[in-house]
Structures are given as C-alpha cells and as structure tokens.
Amino acid sequence: QLQLVESGGGLVQSGGSLRLSCAASGFILDYYTIGWFRQAPGKEREGVSCISRSGGSTRYADSVKGRFTISRDSSKNTVYLHINSLKPEDTAVYYCAAGNYPQAMCALSSIGMDYWGKGTLVTVSS
C-alpha cells in the first residue's frame, strides 16, 4: 500500500521552529517530486515548498522564503520541511504530496501530485 505520513506538527510560540517529516511506505520517495502544502482554517490550500526528484531544484512560496527549507533523506525515505521564525499566520494543516514530474522540476501546485498524506497540524501562538 502506497502511503505518505506527515509528522512533527504541534503547538509552538511565535519565533519558534519545527521540523516536519514526510515518510513514505510502499514506494521510494527519490523517484518522485515532493511538495509541501498547507491549508489554514477558512482558506484554500497553498503550495509552500517543493523539491525535484534529483533534489537539485527547490521552490518556496514568497511567504515562507528564508524561513522554510525542504530537504531529502534518501536513507530514511523521508522528506523534511524545516520551519524557522514561525509566525501565527503559518498556522495550518501541512500536507506532503508526491508526483511524477520531470527529473529536475517541481512546482508549487497540486496538479500532478498523485499521493497525499493526511496532514499534520501546526499551531503558532502569538
């Protein structure tokens, strides 16, 4: 069974840090483009970061540039999202997704993302 599981969310104070994990079972994440998305209460889901299959290309939404870093750990079949300088507006459910993009590409879009996790909640208090 192909599955993505996010973890690492929680309640954190403004200015704090978290590391979100996206672990895969049943398939190898290195063969897929991975995206992180978030959905805040009452808002549409938005793409915040992605990493290409090769790992050589990454993208970030303007709202998170300089604070979020996406990375892969092939040995653990896991992709991470390191979040620093958290703000209350970062409060959301964070999802990871896997898609079959060309080797060096990724996009902050849910189009073509075939597999989704159930999400992990990040709450930032002011």
Protein backbone atom coordinates (compact mmCIF):
# COMPACT_ATOMS: atom_id res chain seq x y z
CA GLN A 1 0.00 0.00 0.00
CA LEU A 2 1.37 3.38 -1.03
CA GLN A 3 1.26 5.79 1.85
CA LEU A 4 2.64 9.15 2.95
CA VAL A 5 2.64 10.06 6.61
CA GLU A 6 3.41 13.53 7.93
CA SER A 7 4.61 14.17 11.46
CA GLY A 8 6.29 16.83 13.53
CA GLY A 9 3.49 19.33 13.88
CA GLY A 10 2.47 20.83 17.17
CA LEU A 11 1.90 23.97 19.18
CA VAL A 12 4.80 26.41 19.11
CA GLN A 13 5.31 30.03 20.06
CA SER A 14 5.87 32.71 17.50
CA GLY A 15 9.52 32.77 16.50
CA GLY A 16 9.97 29.08 17.20
CA SER A 17 11.00 26.24 14.92
CA LEU A 18 9.70 22.88 13.82
CA ARG A 19 10.80 20.08 11.56
CA LEU A 20 8.04 18.37 9.67
CA SER A 21 8.64 14.91 8.26
CA CYS A 22 7.04 13.17 5.31
CA ALA A 23 7.72 9.46 5.39
CA ALA A 24 6.76 7.06 2.64
CA SER A 25 5.84 3.41 2.69
CA GLY A 26 5.28 1.22 -0.31
CA PHE A 27 7.29 3.40 -2.67
CA ILE A 28 10.59 5.24 -2.90
CA LEU A 29 10.37 8.99 -2.49
CA ASP A 30 13.53 9.60 -4.52
CA TYR A 31 11.54 8.64 -7.62
CA TYR A 32 9.03 11.44 -7.05
CA THR A 33 8.78 15.17 -6.87
CA ILE A 34 7.65 16.10 -3.38
CA GLY A 35 5.60 19.09 -2.39
CA TRP A 36 4.56 20.55 0.93
CA PHE A 37 1.19 22.27 1.07
CA ARG A 38 -0.78 23.88 3.83
CA GLN A 39 -4.36 24.81 4.48
CA ALA A 40 -5.30 27.33 7.12
CA PRO A 41 -8.81 27.50 8.57
CA GLY A 42 -11.17 29.11 6.10
CA LYS A 43 -8.52 29.38 3.40
CA GLU A 44 -7.62 27.48 0.28
CA ARG A 45 -4.76 25.03 0.22
CA GLU A 46 -1.50 26.57 -0.93
CA GLY A 47 1.82 25.15 -2.00
CA VAL A 48 4.67 26.26 0.25
CA SER A 49 7.65 24.26 -0.98
CA CYS A 50 8.71 21.52 -3.36
CA ILE A 51 11.80 19.54 -4.25
CA SER A 52 12.56 17.85 -7.53
CA ARG A 53 13.35 14.17 -7.94
CA SER A 54 17.01 14.97 -8.35
CA GLY A 55 16.94 17.19 -5.30
CA GLY A 56 18.67 19.87 -7.30
CA SER A 57 15.65 22.10 -7.66
CA THR A 58 13.61 23.55 -4.84
CA ARG A 59 10.92 26.21 -4.74
CA TYR A 60 9.32 28.23 -1.97
CA ALA A 61 6.27 30.40 -1.72
CA ASP A 62 7.15 34.06 -1.21
CA SER A 63 5.53 33.99 2.22
CA VAL A 64 7.99 31.38 3.50
CA LYS A 65 11.22 32.17 1.66
CA GLY A 66 14.14 32.43 4.01
CA ARG A 67 12.28 30.63 6.78
CA PHE A 68 11.41 27.22 5.31
CA THR A 69 13.87 24.68 3.96
CA ILE A 70 12.97 21.44 2.23
CA SER A 71 15.35 18.50 2.15
CA ARG A 72 15.51 14.79 1.41
CA ASP A 73 17.00 11.91 3.39
CA SER A 74 17.09 9.02 0.98
CA SER A 75 18.34 6.59 3.62
CA LYS A 76 15.14 7.19 5.58
CA ASN A 77 12.85 7.54 2.58
CA THR A 78 11.75 10.83 4.10
CA VAL A 79 11.43 14.45 3.07
CA TYR A 80 11.65 17.19 5.66
CA LEU A 81 10.37 20.71 5.93
CA HIS A 82 12.44 22.77 8.35
CA ILE A 83 10.49 25.77 9.57
CA ASN A 84 12.12 28.67 11.39
CA SER A 85 10.86 32.01 12.67
CA LEU A 86 7.32 30.73 12.83
CA LYS A 87 4.52 33.28 12.63
CA PRO A 88 0.88 32.99 13.69
CA GLU A 89 -0.08 33.12 10.01
CA ASP A 90 1.82 29.84 9.50
CA THR A 91 -0.89 28.08 11.49
CA ALA A 92 -2.34 25.42 9.22
CA VAL A 93 -2.55 21.74 8.47
CA TYR A 94 0.55 20.83 6.50
CA TYR A 95 0.40 18.11 3.87
CA CYS A 96 3.05 16.43 1.79
CA ALA A 97 2.37 15.04 -1.65
CA ALA A 98 4.27 13.06 -4.26
CA GLY A 99 4.04 13.47 -8.00
CA ASN A 100 5.71 12.33 -11.17
CA TYR A 101 7.33 15.45 -12.58
CA PRO A 102 10.35 15.53 -14.86
CA GLN A 103 13.65 14.89 -13.11
CA ALA A 104 14.71 18.46 -12.40
CA MET A 105 11.35 20.12 -11.99
CA CYS A 106 8.95 20.88 -9.23
CA ALA A 107 6.10 23.32 -8.86
CA LEU A 108 4.01 24.76 -6.03
CA SER A 109 0.93 23.14 -7.49
CA SER A 110 -1.26 20.23 -6.58
CA ILE A 111 -1.63 19.36 -10.25
CA GLY A 112 0.06 16.07 -10.95
CA MET A 113 0.52 15.21 -7.28
CA ASP A 114 -0.77 11.69 -7.08
CA TYR A 115 -0.22 10.72 -3.47
CA TRP A 116 -1.15 12.72 -0.39
CA GLY A 117 -0.69 12.34 3.30
CA LYS A 118 -3.37 13.15 5.87
CA GLY A 119 -1.55 16.15 7.24
CA THR A 120 -0.02 17.39 10.46
CA LEU A 121 -1.30 20.42 12.35
CA VAL A 122 0.98 23.34 13.10
CA THR A 123 -0.34 25.93 15.51
CA VAL A 124 1.66 29.06 16.21
CA SER A 125 0.72 31.16 19.20
CA SER A 126 1.47 34.86 19.35
